[in-house]
Protein backbone atom coordinates (compact mmCIF):
# COMPACT_ATOMS: atom_id res chain seq x y z
CA MET A 1 134.01 32.32 50.59
CA ASN A 2 135.72 29.29 49.13
CA THR A 3 138.95 31.17 48.46
CA LYS A 4 139.18 32.25 52.11
CA HIS A 5 138.89 28.61 53.15
CA GLN A 6 141.61 27.61 50.69
CA ASP A 7 143.87 30.43 51.87
CA LEU A 8 143.38 29.44 55.50
CA ARG A 9 144.02 25.77 54.70
CA GLY A 10 147.17 26.70 52.79
CA GLN A 11 148.39 28.84 55.67
CA LEU A 12 147.74 26.05 58.19
CA LEU A 13 149.56 23.50 56.01
CA ARG A 14 152.52 25.88 55.65
CA GLN A 15 152.66 26.38 59.43
CA ARG A 16 152.52 22.61 59.96
CA ARG A 17 155.35 22.06 57.46
CA ASP A 18 157.42 24.72 59.22
CA ARG A 19 156.79 23.18 62.65
CA LEU A 20 157.59 19.64 61.47
CA GLY A 21 160.67 20.92 59.64
CA ARG A 22 161.99 22.81 62.66
CA ASN A 23 161.64 19.87 65.04
CA GLY A 24 163.29 17.41 62.63
CA THR A 25 160.30 15.16 61.88
CA LEU A 26 160.69 15.66 58.12
CA GLY A 27 164.39 14.91 58.11
CA PRO A 28 167.71 16.33 59.26
CA SER A 29 168.43 18.35 56.11
CA ILE A 30 165.13 20.24 56.39
CA LYS A 31 165.84 20.89 60.08
CA ALA A 32 169.32 22.15 59.19
CA LEU A 33 167.85 24.53 56.60
CA HIS A 34 165.44 25.91 59.22
CA ASP A 35 168.35 26.28 61.66
CA LEU A 36 170.32 28.04 58.93
CA ALA A 37 167.49 30.54 58.38
CA THR A 38 167.29 31.12 62.14
CA LEU A 39 171.04 31.77 62.34
CA MET A 40 170.72 34.22 59.47
CA GLU A 41 167.97 36.08 61.35
CA LEU A 42 169.87 36.19 64.64
CA ASP A 43 172.83 38.09 63.28
CA THR A 44 173.60 41.13 65.36
CA LEU A 45 174.92 43.31 62.54
CA SER A 46 172.16 45.56 61.24
CA ILE A 47 173.37 45.28 57.65
CA TYR A 48 172.58 41.56 57.73
CA ARG A 49 169.05 41.88 59.10
CA HIS A 50 165.89 41.41 57.06
CA GLY A 51 167.28 38.74 54.78
CA LYS A 52 170.33 40.56 53.56
CA ARG A 53 172.95 38.20 54.96
CA PRO A 54 174.18 35.77 52.34
CA VAL A 55 174.73 32.13 53.20
CA ASP A 56 178.33 31.17 53.69
CA PHE A 57 180.02 27.93 54.68
CA GLU A 58 180.44 29.08 58.29
CA LEU A 59 176.67 29.43 58.70
CA ILE A 60 176.05 26.04 57.10
CA THR A 61 178.62 24.46 59.43
CA ARG A 62 177.04 26.10 62.50
CA ALA A 63 173.58 24.93 61.44
CA CYS A 64 174.62 21.34 60.72
CA TYR A 65 177.03 20.64 63.56
CA GLY A 66 174.66 22.00 66.21
CA PRO A 67 175.81 20.95 69.70
CA LEU A 68 179.15 19.65 68.38
CA ILE A 69 180.33 23.20 67.71
CA SER A 70 181.11 25.84 70.32
CA TRP A 71 182.57 29.34 70.40
CA ASN A 72 186.07 29.56 71.85
CA ARG A 73 186.55 33.04 73.33
CA ALA A 74 190.30 32.70 73.73
CA SER A 75 190.96 31.91 70.08
CA GLY A 76 188.00 33.88 68.72
CA ARG A 77 186.68 31.07 66.54
CA TYR A 78 184.36 28.10 66.55
CA ASP A 79 185.73 24.76 67.74
CA ILE A 80 184.33 21.37 66.85
CA LYS A 81 184.42 18.69 69.53
CA PRO A 82 187.15 16.06 69.05
CA LEU A 83 186.53 13.35 66.50
CA HIS A 84 187.48 10.47 68.81
CA THR A 85 184.64 11.21 71.22
CA HIS A 86 181.90 11.98 68.69
CA ARG A 87 182.86 10.07 65.54
CA ALA A 88 179.36 8.99 64.48
CA GLU A 89 177.79 12.38 65.15
CA ARG A 90 180.53 14.18 63.28
CA GLN A 91 180.26 11.88 60.27
CA SER A 92 176.51 12.38 60.13
CA ALA A 93 177.02 16.17 60.43
CA GLU A 94 179.45 16.11 57.51
CA ALA A 95 176.93 14.16 55.43
CA LEU A 96 174.29 16.70 56.46
CA ILE A 97 176.51 19.59 55.35
CA GLN A 98 176.80 17.96 51.94
CA ALA A 99 173.01 17.49 51.74
CA VAL A 100 172.41 21.16 52.63
CA VAL A 101 174.97 22.37 50.08
CA ASP A 102 173.32 20.16 47.44
CA ALA A 103 169.87 21.50 48.36
CA LEU A 104 170.99 25.14 48.18
CA GLY A 105 172.86 24.65 44.93
CA ALA A 106 176.44 25.26 43.94
CA GLU A 107 176.41 28.96 44.78
CA PHE A 108 176.16 30.31 48.29
CA GLY A 109 174.42 33.57 48.91
CA PRO A 110 170.65 33.02 48.97
CA SER A 111 168.62 35.22 51.28
CA ILE A 112 166.56 34.04 54.24
CA GLY A 113 163.46 33.86 52.05
CA GLU A 114 165.23 31.68 49.49
CA VAL A 115 166.54 29.34 52.21
CA ARG A 116 163.03 29.04 53.63
CA ALA A 117 161.62 28.41 50.13
CA VAL A 118 164.09 25.55 49.61
CA ALA A 119 163.19 24.13 53.05
CA ASP A 120 159.48 24.44 52.26
CA ARG A 121 159.88 22.72 48.90
CA LEU A 122 161.78 19.84 50.51
CA ALA A 123 159.15 19.66 53.28
CA VAL A 124 156.35 19.39 50.70
CA ASP A 125 158.20 16.51 49.02
CA ALA A 126 158.85 14.79 52.37
CA MET A 127 155.22 15.13 53.46
CA ALA A 128 154.04 13.76 50.10
CA ARG A 129 156.36 10.77 50.53
CA GLN A 130 155.08 10.20 54.08
CA ALA A 131 151.47 10.39 52.90
CA GLY A 132 152.26 7.97 50.08
CA THR A 133 153.87 5.40 52.35
CA SER A 134 151.20 5.60 55.05
CA ALA A 135 148.30 5.16 52.62
């Protein structure tokens, strides 16, 4: 009976960490990792589904730049909004890219599960820090 309670509590804590990570409460790098996992899931090519798409720099850029990046149909590539209009947002996005690359390690290529595991580990650390500062 006690193990069921612990399993349920662990599942609820994991869901809370995921929710707080996705909405950005635990920090921008954790949110970017969740966005990265979502982008990996949304790929339309069937060979990339179910966690088989490796992380590349294009996915990290799309996850970190967010609304600053858009698809240009004419050129067939992603465009980033001009620096002169969004200087602060672009600088913070570039710092965020560096934080995500540092969190994932030097090599790209982890699966969706590995990206989520890194995000969960960082979320546990962030929640522990928040609990330590609020106590």
